[in-house]
Amino acid sequence: CNGRREAHAPSHAYIRGLFPHSPVPVFRAGFHPNFCPWLRIKA
């Protein structure tokens, strides 16, 4: 089930993680690496 969730989860679900109350790691730019695929590609 977790494998399927990860495969089918929309990219915006990673802003807060799969669970809304789980802490999200903060990266160098201040964004989660999966925050926006367009920014990741452009960046």
Full PDB file with SEQRES, HELIX, SHEET, SSBOND, CRYST1, ORIGX, SCALE, CONECT and MASTER records, all heavy atoms in Angstrom:
SEQRES   1 A   43  CYS ASN GLY ARG ARG GLU ALA HIS ALA PRO SER HIS ALA          
SEQRES   2 A   43  TYR ILE ARG GLY LEU PHE PRO HIS SER PRO VAL PRO VAL          
SEQRES   3 A   43  PHE ARG ALA GLY PHE HIS PRO ASN PHE CYS PRO TRP LEU          
SEQRES   4 A   43  ARG ILE LYS ALA                                              
HELIX    1 AA1 ASN A    2  HIS A    8  1                                   7    
HELIX    2 AA2 SER A   11  TYR A   14  5                                   4    
HELIX    3 AA3 PRO A   37  LYS A   42  1                                   6    
CRYST1    1.000    1.000    1.000  90.00  90.00  90.00 P 1           1          
ORIGX1      1.000000  0.000000  0.000000        0.00000                         
ORIGX2      0.000000  1.000000  0.000000        0.00000                         
ORIGX3      0.000000  0.000000  1.000000        0.00000                         
SCALE1      1.000000  0.000000  0.000000        0.00000                         
SCALE2      0.000000  1.000000  0.000000        0.00000                         
SCALE3      0.000000  0.000000  1.000000        0.00000                         
ATOM      1  N   CYS A   1       0.831  -1.200   0.000  1.00  0.00           N  
ATOM      2  CA  CYS A   1       0.000   0.000   0.000  1.00  0.00           C  
ATOM      3  C   CYS A   1       0.871   1.257   0.000  1.00  0.00           C  
ATOM      4  O   CYS A   1       0.593   2.205  -0.733  1.00  0.00           O  
ATOM      5  CB  CYS A   1      -0.913  -0.016   1.218  1.00  0.00           C  
ATOM      6  SG  CYS A   1      -2.067   1.359   1.287  1.00  0.00           S  
ATOM      7  N   ASN A   2       1.930   1.251   0.829  1.00  0.00           N  
ATOM      8  CA  ASN A   2       2.817   2.413   0.864  1.00  0.00           C  
ATOM      9  C   ASN A   2       3.510   2.611  -0.475  1.00  0.00           C  
ATOM     10  O   ASN A   2       3.694   3.749  -0.923  1.00  0.00           O  
ATOM     11  CB  ASN A   2       3.858   2.257   1.980  1.00  0.00           C  
ATOM     12  CG  ASN A   2       3.256   2.491   3.343  1.00  0.00           C  
ATOM     13  OD1 ASN A   2       2.195   3.099   3.461  1.00  0.00           O  
ATOM     14  ND2 ASN A   2       3.913   1.985   4.369  1.00  0.00           N  
ATOM     15  N   GLY A   3       3.898   1.517  -1.137  1.00  0.00           N  
ATOM     16  CA  GLY A   3       4.516   1.623  -2.458  1.00  0.00           C  
ATOM     17  C   GLY A   3       3.565   2.231  -3.468  1.00  0.00           C  
ATOM     18  O   GLY A   3       3.944   3.092  -4.274  1.00  0.00           O  
ATOM     19  N   ARG A   4       2.327   1.832  -3.439  1.00  0.00           N  
ATOM     20  CA  ARG A   4       1.335   2.382  -4.374  1.00  0.00           C  
ATOM     21  C   ARG A   4       1.028   3.843  -4.048  1.00  0.00           C  
ATOM     22  O   ARG A   4       0.845   4.655  -4.945  1.00  0.00           O  
ATOM     23  CB  ARG A   4       0.062   1.560  -4.332  1.00  0.00           C  
ATOM     24  CG  ARG A   4       0.235   0.235  -5.017  1.00  0.00           C  
ATOM     25  CD  ARG A   4      -1.060  -0.475  -5.184  1.00  0.00           C  
ATOM     26  NE  ARG A   4      -0.848  -1.736  -5.877  1.00  0.00           N  
ATOM     27  CZ  ARG A   4      -1.777  -2.634  -6.027  1.00  0.00           C  
ATOM     28  NH1 ARG A   4      -2.983  -2.407  -5.560  1.00  0.00           N  
ATOM     29  NH2 ARG A   4      -1.520  -3.747  -6.655  1.00  0.00           N  
ATOM     30  N   ARG A   5       0.978   4.185  -2.770  1.00  0.00           N  
ATOM     31  CA  ARG A   5       0.730   5.583  -2.395  1.00  0.00           C  
ATOM     32  C   ARG A   5       1.848   6.473  -2.908  1.00  0.00           C  
ATOM     33  O   ARG A   5       1.590   7.554  -3.421  1.00  0.00           O  
ATOM     34  CB  ARG A   5       0.635   5.723  -0.869  1.00  0.00           C  
ATOM     35  CG  ARG A   5      -0.682   5.387  -0.295  1.00  0.00           C  
ATOM     36  CD  ARG A   5      -0.705   5.712   1.170  1.00  0.00           C  
ATOM     37  NE  ARG A   5      -1.960   5.284   1.777  1.00  0.00           N  
ATOM     38  CZ  ARG A   5      -2.131   5.097   3.040  1.00  0.00           C  
ATOM     39  NH1 ARG A   5      -1.132   5.308   3.878  1.00  0.00           N  
ATOM     40  NH2 ARG A   5      -3.288   4.710   3.510  1.00  0.00           N  
ATOM     41  N   GLU A   6       3.061   6.006  -2.726  1.00  0.00           N  
ATOM     42  CA  GLU A   6       4.199   6.808  -3.193  1.00  0.00           C  
ATOM     43  C   GLU A   6       4.183   6.949  -4.702  1.00  0.00           C  
ATOM     44  O   GLU A   6       4.491   8.016  -5.233  1.00  0.00           O  
ATOM     45  CB  GLU A   6       5.514   6.185  -2.718  1.00  0.00           C  
ATOM     46  CG  GLU A   6       5.732   6.327  -1.231  1.00  0.00           C  
ATOM     47  CD  GLU A   6       6.972   5.587  -0.763  1.00  0.00           C  
ATOM     48  OE1 GLU A   6       7.708   5.043  -1.614  1.00  0.00           O  
ATOM     49  OE2 GLU A   6       7.200   5.547   0.454  1.00  0.00           O  
ATOM     50  N   ALA A   7       3.800   5.894  -5.400  1.00  0.00           N  
ATOM     51  CA  ALA A   7       3.780   5.938  -6.864  1.00  0.00           C  
ATOM     52  C   ALA A   7       2.653   6.821  -7.381  1.00  0.00           C  
ATOM     53  O   ALA A   7       2.815   7.504  -8.391  1.00  0.00           O  
ATOM     54  CB  ALA A   7       3.641   4.532  -7.423  1.00  0.00           C  
ATOM     55  N   HIS A   8       1.531   6.841  -6.725  1.00  0.00           N  
ATOM     56  CA  HIS A   8       0.361   7.581  -7.206  1.00  0.00           C  
ATOM     57  C   HIS A   8       0.121   8.886  -6.476  1.00  0.00           C  
ATOM     58  O   HIS A   8      -0.830   9.591  -6.786  1.00  0.00           O  
ATOM     59  CB  HIS A   8      -0.897   6.717  -7.082  1.00  0.00           C  
ATOM     60  CG  HIS A   8      -0.854   5.504  -7.940  1.00  0.00           C  
ATOM     61  ND1 HIS A   8      -0.852   5.558  -9.310  1.00  0.00           N  
ATOM     62  CD2 HIS A   8      -0.789   4.187  -7.618  1.00  0.00           C  
ATOM     63  CE1 HIS A   8      -0.797   4.340  -9.797  1.00  0.00           C  
ATOM     64  NE2 HIS A   8      -0.755   3.472  -8.779  1.00  0.00           N  
ATOM     65  N   ALA A   9       0.935   9.215  -5.509  1.00  0.00           N  
ATOM     66  CA  ALA A   9       0.715  10.425  -4.736  1.00  0.00           C  
ATOM     67  C   ALA A   9       1.028  11.657  -5.596  1.00  0.00           C  
ATOM     68  O   ALA A   9       2.007  11.683  -6.319  1.00  0.00           O  
ATOM     69  CB  ALA A   9       1.594  10.434  -3.499  1.00  0.00           C  
ATOM     70  N   PRO A  10       0.188  12.679  -5.540  1.00  0.00           N  
ATOM     71  CA  PRO A  10       0.492  13.909  -6.285  1.00  0.00           C  
ATOM     72  C   PRO A  10       1.694  14.603  -5.652  1.00  0.00           C  
ATOM     73  O   PRO A  10       1.978  14.452  -4.479  1.00  0.00           O  
ATOM     74  CB  PRO A  10      -0.783  14.737  -6.130  1.00  0.00           C  
ATOM     75  CG  PRO A  10      -1.468  14.190  -4.917  1.00  0.00           C  
ATOM     76  CD  PRO A  10      -1.067  12.767  -4.829  1.00  0.00           C  
ATOM     77  N   SER A  11       2.379  15.366  -6.484  1.00  0.00           N  
ATOM     78  CA  SER A  11       3.613  15.992  -6.012  1.00  0.00           C  
ATOM     79  C   SER A  11       3.341  17.015  -4.907  1.00  0.00           C  
ATOM     80  O   SER A  11       4.190  17.239  -4.065  1.00  0.00           O  
ATOM     81  CB  SER A  11       4.335  16.669  -7.171  1.00  0.00           C  
ATOM     82  OG  SER A  11       3.483  17.638  -7.758  1.00  0.00           O  
ATOM     83  N   HIS A  12       2.188  17.644  -4.895  1.00  0.00           N  
ATOM     84  CA  HIS A  12       1.916  18.623  -3.860  1.00  0.00           C  
ATOM     85  C   HIS A  12       1.675  17.959  -2.499  1.00  0.00           C  
ATOM     86  O   HIS A  12       1.661  18.638  -1.482  1.00  0.00           O  
ATOM     87  CB  HIS A  12       0.715  19.513  -4.255  1.00  0.00           C  
ATOM     88  CG  HIS A  12      -0.577  18.774  -4.263  1.00  0.00           C  
ATOM     89  ND1 HIS A  12      -1.009  18.083  -5.370  1.00  0.00           N  
ATOM     90  CD2 HIS A  12      -1.527  18.618  -3.311  1.00  0.00           C  
ATOM     91  CE1 HIS A  12      -2.170  17.530  -5.112  1.00  0.00           C  
ATOM     92  NE2 HIS A  12      -2.507  17.840  -3.856  1.00  0.00           N  
ATOM     93  N   ALA A  13       1.503  16.632  -2.456  1.00  0.00           N  
ATOM     94  CA  ALA A  13       1.303  15.940  -1.187  1.00  0.00           C  
ATOM     95  C   ALA A  13       2.582  15.951  -0.355  1.00  0.00           C  
ATOM     96  O   ALA A  13       2.545  15.749   0.844  1.00  0.00           O  
ATOM     97  CB  ALA A  13       0.861  14.509  -1.422  1.00  0.00           C  
ATOM     98  N   TYR A  14       3.703  16.209  -0.999  1.00  0.00           N  
ATOM     99  CA  TYR A  14       4.968  16.202  -0.283  1.00  0.00           C  
ATOM    100  C   TYR A  14       5.256  17.508   0.431  1.00  0.00           C  
ATOM    101  O   TYR A  14       6.245  17.629   1.119  1.00  0.00           O  
ATOM    102  CB  TYR A  14       6.119  15.867  -1.237  1.00  0.00           C  
ATOM    103  CG  TYR A  14       6.064  14.440  -1.695  1.00  0.00           C  
ATOM    104  CD1 TYR A  14       5.652  14.112  -2.973  1.00  0.00           C  
ATOM    105  CD2 TYR A  14       6.385  13.413  -0.816  1.00  0.00           C  
ATOM    106  CE1 TYR A  14       5.598  12.808  -3.381  1.00  0.00           C  
ATOM    107  CE2 TYR A  14       6.327  12.096  -1.219  1.00  0.00           C  
ATOM    108  CZ  TYR A  14       5.940  11.796  -2.518  1.00  0.00           C  
ATOM    109  OH  TYR A  14       5.887  10.506  -2.903  1.00  0.00           O  
ATOM    110  N   ILE A  15       4.403  18.508   0.259  1.00  0.00           N  
ATOM    111  CA  ILE A  15       4.602  19.756   0.986  1.00  0.00           C  
ATOM    112  C   ILE A  15       4.514  19.479   2.479  1.00  0.00           C  
ATOM    113  O   ILE A  15       5.355  19.896   3.252  1.00  0.00           O  
ATOM    114  CB  ILE A  15       3.544  20.820   0.568  1.00  0.00           C  
ATOM    115  CG1 ILE A  15       3.766  21.205  -0.874  1.00  0.00           C  
ATOM    116  CG2 ILE A  15       3.622  22.020   1.493  1.00  0.00           C  
ATOM    117  CD1 ILE A  15       2.692  22.122  -1.405  1.00  0.00           C  
ATOM    118  N   ARG A  16       3.504  18.787   2.856  1.00  0.00           N  
ATOM    119  CA  ARG A  16       3.324  18.427   4.259  1.00  0.00           C  
ATOM    120  C   ARG A  16       3.605  16.946   4.494  1.00  0.00           C  
ATOM    121  O   ARG A  16       3.353  16.452   5.566  1.00  0.00           O  
ATOM    122  CB  ARG A  16       1.890  18.713   4.692  1.00  0.00           C  
ATOM    123  CG  ARG A  16       1.565  20.157   4.740  1.00  0.00           C  
ATOM    124  CD  ARG A  16       1.777  20.626   6.136  1.00  0.00           C  
ATOM    125  NE  ARG A  16       1.304  21.978   6.253  1.00  0.00           N  
ATOM    126  CZ  ARG A  16       1.863  22.846   6.999  1.00  0.00           C  
ATOM    127  NH1 ARG A  16       2.914  22.535   7.698  1.00  0.00           N  
ATOM    128  NH2 ARG A  16       1.385  24.045   7.096  1.00  0.00           N  
ATOM    129  N   GLY A  17       4.065  16.255   3.519  1.00  0.00           N  
ATOM    130  CA  GLY A  17       4.309  14.833   3.654  1.00  0.00           C  
ATOM    131  C   GLY A  17       2.998  14.074   3.473  1.00  0.00           C  
ATOM    132  O   GLY A  17       1.962  14.650   3.192  1.00  0.00           O  
ATOM    133  N   LEU A  18       3.038  12.776   3.596  1.00  0.00           N  
ATOM    134  CA  LEU A  18       1.830  11.988   3.432  1.00  0.00           C  
ATOM    135  C   LEU A  18       0.855  12.233   4.586  1.00  0.00           C  
ATOM    136  O   LEU A  18      -0.340  12.104   4.437  1.00  0.00           O  
ATOM    137  CB  LEU A  18       2.167  10.491   3.377  1.00  0.00           C  
ATOM    138  CG  LEU A  18       2.870  10.047   2.108  1.00  0.00           C  
ATOM    139  CD1 LEU A  18       3.250   8.575   2.218  1.00  0.00           C  
ATOM    140  CD2 LEU A  18       1.983  10.246   0.899  1.00  0.00           C  
ATOM    141  N   PHE A  19       1.395  12.592   5.706  1.00  0.00           N  
ATOM    142  CA  PHE A  19       0.548  12.819   6.872  1.00  0.00           C  
ATOM    143  C   PHE A  19       0.633  14.294   7.242  1.00  0.00           C  
ATOM    144  O   PHE A  19       1.719  14.845   7.381  1.00  0.00           O  
ATOM    145  CB  PHE A  19       1.021  11.942   8.028  1.00  0.00           C  
ATOM    146  CG  PHE A  19       1.032  10.493   7.664  1.00  0.00           C  
ATOM    147  CD1 PHE A  19       2.208   9.857   7.319  1.00  0.00           C  
ATOM    148  CD2 PHE A  19      -0.155   9.768   7.623  1.00  0.00           C  
ATOM    149  CE1 PHE A  19       2.221   8.532   6.958  1.00  0.00           C  
ATOM    150  CE2 PHE A  19      -0.145   8.439   7.272  1.00  0.00           C  
ATOM    151  CZ  PHE A  19       1.031   7.815   6.931  1.00  0.00           C  
ATOM    152  N   PRO A  20      -0.490  14.972   7.410  1.00  0.00           N  
ATOM    153  CA  PRO A  20      -0.499  16.423   7.609  1.00  0.00           C  
ATOM    154  C   PRO A  20       0.207  16.875   8.880  1.00  0.00           C  
ATOM    155  O   PRO A  20       0.685  17.991   8.938  1.00  0.00           O  
ATOM    156  CB  PRO A  20      -1.975  16.782   7.640  1.00  0.00           C  
ATOM    157  CG  PRO A  20      -2.701  15.523   7.919  1.00  0.00           C  
ATOM    158  CD  PRO A  20      -1.846  14.407   7.415  1.00  0.00           C  
ATOM    159  N   HIS A  21       0.304  16.063   9.874  1.00  0.00           N  
ATOM    160  CA  HIS A  21       0.914  16.490  11.126  1.00  0.00           C  
ATOM    161  C   HIS A  21       2.358  16.057  11.256  1.00  0.00           C  
ATOM    162  O   HIS A  21       2.979  16.276  12.278  1.00  0.00           O  
ATOM    163  CB  HIS A  21       0.103  15.947  12.314  1.00  0.00           C  
ATOM    164  CG  HIS A  21      -1.299  16.475  12.330  1.00  0.00           C  
ATOM    165  ND1 HIS A  21      -1.607  17.783  12.572  1.00  0.00           N  
ATOM    166  CD2 HIS A  21      -2.484  15.850  12.092  1.00  0.00           C  
ATOM    167  CE1 HIS A  21      -2.913  17.953  12.503  1.00  0.00           C  
ATOM    168  NE2 HIS A  21      -3.467  16.795  12.205  1.00  0.00           N  
ATOM    169  N   SER A  22       2.896  15.436  10.238  1.00  0.00           N  
ATOM    170  CA  SER A  22       4.298  15.013  10.329  1.00  0.00           C  
ATOM    171  C   SER A  22       5.200  16.198   9.987  1.00  0.00           C  
ATOM    172  O   SER A  22       4.856  17.035   9.170  1.00  0.00           O  
ATOM    173  CB  SER A  22       4.562  13.854   9.373  1.00  0.00           C  
ATOM    174  OG  SER A  22       4.428  14.280   8.045  1.00  0.00           O  
ATOM    175  N   PRO A  23       6.357  16.290  10.630  1.00  0.00           N  
ATOM    176  CA  PRO A  23       7.261  17.402  10.337  1.00  0.00           C  
ATOM    177  C   PRO A  23       7.878  17.240   8.945  1.00  0.00           C  
ATOM    178  O   PRO A  23       8.145  16.141   8.494  1.00  0.00           O  
ATOM    179  CB  PRO A  23       8.331  17.304  11.410  1.00  0.00           C  
ATOM    180  CG  PRO A  23       8.265  15.894  11.887  1.00  0.00           C  
ATOM    181  CD  PRO A  23       6.867  15.427  11.665  1.00  0.00           C  
ATOM    182  N   VAL A  24       8.049  18.362   8.270  1.00  0.00           N  
ATOM    183  CA  VAL A  24       8.621  18.359   6.916  1.00  0.00           C  
ATOM    184  C   VAL A  24      10.052  18.863   7.011  1.00  0.00           C  
ATOM    185  O   VAL A  24      10.303  19.903   7.616  1.00  0.00           O  
ATOM    186  CB  VAL A  24       7.802  19.283   5.980  1.00  0.00           C  
ATOM    187  CG1 VAL A  24       8.409  19.333   4.604  1.00  0.00           C  
ATOM    188  CG2 VAL A  24       6.366  18.822   5.941  1.00  0.00           C  
ATOM    189  N   PRO A  25      11.006  18.148   6.455  1.00  0.00           N  
ATOM    190  CA  PRO A  25      12.385  18.630   6.498  1.00  0.00           C  
ATOM    191  C   PRO A  25      12.549  19.902   5.674  1.00  0.00           C  
ATOM    192  O   PRO A  25      11.947  20.043   4.621  1.00  0.00           O  
ATOM    193  CB  PRO A  25      13.194  17.467   5.915  1.00  0.00           C  
ATOM    194  CG  PRO A  25      12.233  16.661   5.129  1.00  0.00           C  
ATOM    195  CD  PRO A  25      10.902  16.863   5.750  1.00  0.00           C  
ATOM    196  N   VAL A  26      13.331  20.801   6.178  1.00  0.00           N  
ATOM    197  CA  VAL A  26      13.577  22.060   5.465  1.00  0.00           C  
ATOM    198  C   VAL A  26      14.920  21.954   4.773  1.00  0.00           C  
ATOM    199  O   VAL A  26      15.917  21.588   5.379  1.00  0.00           O  
ATOM    200  CB  VAL A  26      13.581  23.249   6.457  1.00  0.00           C  
ATOM    201  CG1 VAL A  26      13.883  24.546   5.736  1.00  0.00           C  
ATOM    202  CG2 VAL A  26      12.248  23.321   7.169  1.00  0.00           C  
ATOM    203  N   PHE A  27      14.965  22.273   3.482  1.00  0.00           N  
ATOM    204  CA  PHE A  27      16.188  22.155   2.697  1.00  0.00           C  
ATOM    205  C   PHE A  27      16.828  23.518   2.503  1.00  0.00           C  
ATOM    206  O   PHE A  27      16.283  24.543   2.914  1.00  0.00           O  
ATOM    207  CB  PHE A  27      15.871  21.485   1.356  1.00  0.00           C  
ATOM    208  CG  PHE A  27      15.449  20.055   1.540  1.00  0.00           C  
ATOM    209  CD1 PHE A  27      14.114  19.721   1.666  1.00  0.00           C  
ATOM    210  CD2 PHE A  27      16.392  19.052   1.629  1.00  0.00           C  
ATOM    211  CE1 PHE A  27      13.731  18.421   1.845  1.00  0.00           C  
ATOM    212  CE2 PHE A  27      16.008  17.748   1.807  1.00  0.00           C  
ATOM    213  CZ  PHE A  27      14.671  17.422   1.909  1.00  0.00           C  
ATOM    214  N   ARG A  28      17.972  23.549   1.806  1.00  0.00           N  
ATOM    215  CA  ARG A  28      18.756  24.780   1.661  1.00  0.00           C  
ATOM    216  C   ARG A  28      17.957  25.925   1.079  1.00  0.00           C  
ATOM    217  O   ARG A  28      18.032  27.037   1.550  1.00  0.00           O  
ATOM    218  CB  ARG A  28      19.959  24.533   0.733  1.00  0.00           C  
ATOM    219  CG  ARG A  28      21.035  23.748   1.391  1.00  0.00           C  
ATOM    220  CD  ARG A  28      22.215  23.638   0.486  1.00  0.00           C  
ATOM    221  NE  ARG A  28      21.864  22.746  -0.625  1.00  0.00           N  
ATOM    222  CZ  ARG A  28      22.601  22.541  -1.688  1.00  0.00           C  
ATOM    223  NH1 ARG A  28      23.751  23.160  -1.818  1.00  0.00           N  
ATOM    224  NH2 ARG A  28      22.224  21.724  -2.629  1.00  0.00           N  
ATOM    225  N   ALA A  29      17.186  25.686   0.103  1.00  0.00           N  
ATOM    226  CA  ALA A  29      16.455  26.778  -0.537  1.00  0.00           C  
ATOM    227  C   ALA A  29      15.183  27.104   0.215  1.00  0.00           C  
ATOM    228  O   ALA A  29      14.491  28.045  -0.124  1.00  0.00           O  
ATOM    229  CB  ALA A  29      16.117  26.408  -1.970  1.00  0.00           C  
ATOM    230  N   GLY A  30      14.867  26.295   1.231  1.00  0.00           N  
ATOM    231  CA  GLY A  30      13.652  26.558   1.973  1.00  0.00           C  
ATOM    232  C   GLY A  30      12.468  25.823   1.411  1.00  0.00           C  
ATOM    233  O   GLY A  30      11.377  25.952   1.920  1.00  0.00           O  
ATOM    234  N   PHE A  31      12.678  25.115   0.296  1.00  0.00           N  
ATOM    235  CA  PHE A  31      11.586  24.351  -0.307  1.00  0.00           C  
ATOM    236  C   PHE A  31      11.876  22.868  -0.209  1.00  0.00           C  
ATOM    237  O   PHE A  31      13.025  22.453  -0.214  1.00  0.00           O  
ATOM    238  CB  PHE A  31      11.438  24.693  -1.800  1.00  0.00           C  
ATOM    239  CG  PHE A  31      11.005  26.092  -2.017  1.00  0.00           C  
ATOM    240  CD1 PHE A  31      11.877  27.018  -2.555  1.00  0.00           C  
ATOM    241  CD2 PHE A  31       9.721  26.504  -1.697  1.00  0.00           C  
ATOM    242  CE1 PHE A  31      11.481  28.315  -2.765  1.00  0.00           C  
ATOM    243  CE2 PHE A  31       9.328  27.794  -1.908  1.00  0.00           C  
ATOM    244  CZ  PHE A  31      10.201  28.712  -2.440  1.00  0.00           C  
ATOM    245  N   HIS A  32      10.842  22.135  -0.162  1.00  0.00           N  
ATOM    246  CA  HIS A  32      10.976  20.678  -0.214  1.00  0.00           C  
ATOM    247  C   HIS A  32      11.397  20.324  -1.627  1.00  0.00           C  
ATOM    248  O   HIS A  32      10.945  20.960  -2.580  1.00  0.00           O  
ATOM    249  CB  HIS A  32       9.630  20.040   0.151  1.00  0.00           C  
ATOM    250  CG  HIS A  32       9.744  18.566   0.375  1.00  0.00           C  
ATOM    251  ND1 HIS A  32       9.718  17.683  -0.644  1.00  0.00           N  
ATOM    252  CD2 HIS A  32       9.892  17.841   1.516  1.00  0.00           C  
ATOM    253  CE1 HIS A  32       9.833  16.456  -0.161  1.00  0.00           C  
ATOM    254  NE2 HIS A  32       9.939  16.532   1.162  1.00  0.00           N  
ATOM    255  N   PRO A  33      12.262  19.327  -1.833  1.00  0.00           N  
ATOM    256  CA  PRO A  33      12.741  19.046  -3.181  1.00  0.00           C  
ATOM    257  C   PRO A  33      11.632  18.654  -4.144  1.00  0.00           C  
ATOM    258  O   PRO A  33      11.769  18.839  -5.345  1.00  0.00           O  
ATOM    259  CB  PRO A  33      13.723  17.901  -2.995  1.00  0.00           C  
ATOM    260  CG  PRO A  33      13.532  17.389  -1.636  1.00  0.00           C  
ATOM    261  CD  PRO A  33      12.861  18.450  -0.859  1.00  0.00           C  
ATOM    262  N   ASN A  34      10.534  18.131  -3.652  1.00  0.00           N  
ATOM    263  CA  ASN A  34       9.441  17.757  -4.552  1.00  0.00           C  
ATOM    264  C   ASN A  34       8.339  18.805  -4.578  1.00  0.00           C  
ATOM    265  O   ASN A  34       7.245  18.532  -5.015  1.00  0.00           O  
ATOM    266  CB  ASN A  34       8.850  16.415  -4.108  1.00  0.00           C  
ATOM    267  CG  ASN A  34       9.827  15.302  -4.260  1.00  0.00           C  
ATOM    268  OD1 ASN A  34      10.685  15.350  -5.137  1.00  0.00           O  
ATOM    269  ND2 ASN A  34       9.716  14.296  -3.418  1.00  0.00           N  
ATOM    270  N   PHE A  35       8.670  19.995  -4.085  1.00  0.00           N  
ATOM    271  CA  PHE A  35       7.651  21.036  -3.996  1.00  0.00           C  
ATOM    272  C   PHE A  35       7.064  21.340  -5.365  1.00  0.00           C  
ATOM    273  O   PHE A  35       5.870  21.352  -5.539  1.00  0.00           O  
ATOM    274  CB  PHE A  35       8.250  22.293  -3.366  1.00  0.00           C  
ATOM    275  CG  PHE A  35       7.310  23.459  -3.375  1.00  0.00           C  
ATOM    276  CD1 PHE A  35       6.173  23.442  -2.578  1.00  0.00           C  
ATOM    277  CD2 PHE A  35       7.544  24.555  -4.168  1.00  0.00           C  
ATOM    278  CE1 PHE A  35       5.319  24.509  -2.582  1.00  0.00           C  
ATOM    279  CE2 PHE A  35       6.677  25.614  -4.183  1.00  0.00           C  
ATOM    280  CZ  PHE A  35       5.556  25.600  -3.379  1.00  0.00           C  
ATOM    281  N   CYS A  36       7.917  21.548  -6.291  1.00  0.00           N  
ATOM    282  CA  CYS A  36       7.431  21.859  -7.634  1.00  0.00           C  
ATOM    283  C   CYS A  36       8.412  21.262  -8.643  1.00  0.00           C  
ATOM    284  O   CYS A  36       9.564  21.680  -8.696  1.00  0.00           O  
ATOM    285  CB  CYS A  36       7.333  23.361  -7.815  1.00  0.00           C  
ATOM    286  SG  CYS A  36       6.729  23.820  -9.452  1.00  0.00           S  
ATOM    287  N   PRO A  37       7.942  20.297  -9.406  1.00  0.00           N  
ATOM    288  CA  PRO A  37       8.868  19.695 -10.377  1.00  0.00           C  
ATOM    289  C   PRO A  37       9.418  20.732 -11.368  1.00  0.00           C  
ATOM    290  O   PRO A  37      10.550  20.643 -11.810  1.00  0.00           O  
ATOM    291  CB  PRO A  37       8.023  18.650 -11.086  1.00  0.00           C  
ATOM    292  CG  PRO A  37       6.742  18.539 -10.349  1.00  0.00           C  
ATOM    293  CD  PRO A  37       6.647  19.705  -9.431  1.00  0.00           C  
ATOM    294  N   TRP A  38       8.656  21.769 -11.725  1.00  0.00           N  
ATOM    295  CA  TRP A  38       9.096  22.773 -12.682  1.00  0.00           C  
ATOM    296  C   TRP A  38      10.294  23.528 -12.122  1.00  0.00           C  
ATOM    297  O   TRP A  38      11.275  23.735 -12.816  1.00  0.00           O  
ATOM    298  CB  TRP A  38       7.928  23.727 -12.977  1.00  0.00           C  
ATOM    299  CG  TRP A  38       8.276  24.777 -13.978  1.00  0.00           C  
ATOM    300  CD1 TRP A  38       8.345  24.635 -15.313  1.00  0.00           C  
ATOM    301  CD2 TRP A  38       8.618  26.109 -13.679  1.00  0.00           C  
ATOM    302  NE1 TRP A  38       8.705  25.784 -15.902  1.00  0.00           N  
ATOM    303  CE2 TRP A  38       8.884  26.729 -14.898  1.00  0.00           C  
ATOM    304  CE3 TRP A  38       8.742  26.864 -12.513  1.00  0.00           C  
ATOM    305  CZ2 TRP A  38       9.260  28.058 -14.995  1.00  0.00           C  
ATOM    306  CZ3 TRP A  38       9.096  28.174 -12.647  1.00  0.00           C  
ATOM    307  CH2 TRP A  38       9.353  28.749 -13.871  1.00  0.00           C  
ATOM    308  N   LEU A  39      10.206  23.911 -10.801  1.00  0.00           N  
ATOM    309  CA  LEU A  39      11.320  24.601 -10.178  1.00  0.00           C  
ATOM    310  C   LEU A  39      12.538  23.696 -10.078  1.00  0.00           C  
ATOM    311  O   LEU A  39      13.663  24.139 -10.243  1.00  0.00           O  
ATOM    312  CB  LEU A  39      10.949  25.100  -8.786  1.00  0.00           C  
ATOM    313  CG  LEU A  39      10.035  26.307  -8.733  1.00  0.00           C  
ATOM    314  CD1 LEU A  39       9.697  26.625  -7.285  1.00  0.00           C  
ATOM    315  CD2 LEU A  39      10.726  27.504  -9.373  1.00  0.00           C  
ATOM    316  N   ARG A  40      12.292  22.435  -9.804  1.00  0.00           N  
ATOM    317  CA  ARG A  40      13.409  21.523  -9.662  1.00  0.00           C  
ATOM    318  C   ARG A  40      14.130  21.379 -11.002  1.00  0.00           C  
ATOM    319  O   ARG A  40      15.338  21.396 -11.067  1.00  0.00           O  
ATOM    320  CB  ARG A  40      12.898  20.161  -9.183  1.00  0.00           C  
ATOM    321  CG  ARG A  40      13.991  19.275  -8.722  1.00  0.00           C  
ATOM    322  CD  ARG A  40      13.485  18.045  -8.027  1.00  0.00           C  
ATOM    323  NE  ARG A  40      12.136  17.716  -8.338  1.00  0.00           N  
ATOM    324  CZ  ARG A  40      11.684  16.527  -8.706  1.00  0.00           C  
ATOM    325  NH1 ARG A  40      12.502  15.525  -8.732  1.00  0.00           N  
ATOM    326  NH2 ARG A  40      10.436  16.323  -8.984  1.00  0.00           N  
ATOM    327  N   ILE A  41      13.368  21.272 -12.062  1.00  0.00           N  
ATOM    328  CA  ILE A  41      13.988  21.140 -13.386  1.00  0.00           C  
ATOM    329  C   ILE A  41      14.699  22.435 -13.745  1.00  0.00           C  
ATOM    330  O   ILE A  41      15.831  22.437 -14.190  1.00  0.00           O  
ATOM    331  CB  ILE A  41      12.947  20.781 -14.454  1.00  0.00           C  
ATOM    332  CG1 ILE A  41      12.412  19.376 -14.169  1.00  0.00           C  
ATOM    333  CG2 ILE A  41      13.538  20.869 -15.835  1.00  0.00           C  
ATOM    334  CD1 ILE A  41      11.232  18.989 -15.015  1.00  0.00           C  
ATOM    335  N   LYS A  42      14.035  23.576 -13.536  1.00  0.00           N  
ATOM    336  CA  LYS A  42      14.614  24.854 -13.885  1.00  0.00           C  
ATOM    337  C   LYS A  42      15.806  25.164 -13.005  1.00  0.00           C  
ATOM    338  O   LYS A  42      16.710  25.855 -13.428  1.00  0.00           O  
ATOM    339  CB  LYS A  42      13.573  25.953 -13.724  1.00  0.00           C  
ATOM    340  CG  LYS A  42      12.463  25.867 -14.690  1.00  0.00           C  
ATOM    341  CD  LYS A  42      12.422  27.129 -15.440  1.00  0.00           C  
ATOM    342  CE  LYS A  42      11.322  27.039 -16.462  1.00  0.00           C  
ATOM    343  NZ  LYS A  42      11.487  27.962 -17.483  1.00  0.00           N  
ATOM    344  N   ALA A  43      15.772  24.681 -11.754  1.00  0.00           N  
ATOM    345  CA  ALA A  43      16.826  25.035 -10.826  1.00  0.00           C  
ATOM    346  C   ALA A  43      18.017  24.109 -10.926  1.00  0.00           C  
ATOM    347  O   ALA A  43      19.012  24.328 -10.284  1.00  0.00           O  
ATOM    348  CB  ALA A  43      16.289  25.019  -9.406  1.00  0.00           C  
TER     349      ALA A  43                                                      
MASTER        0    0    0    3    0    0    0    6  348    1    0    4          
END                                                                             
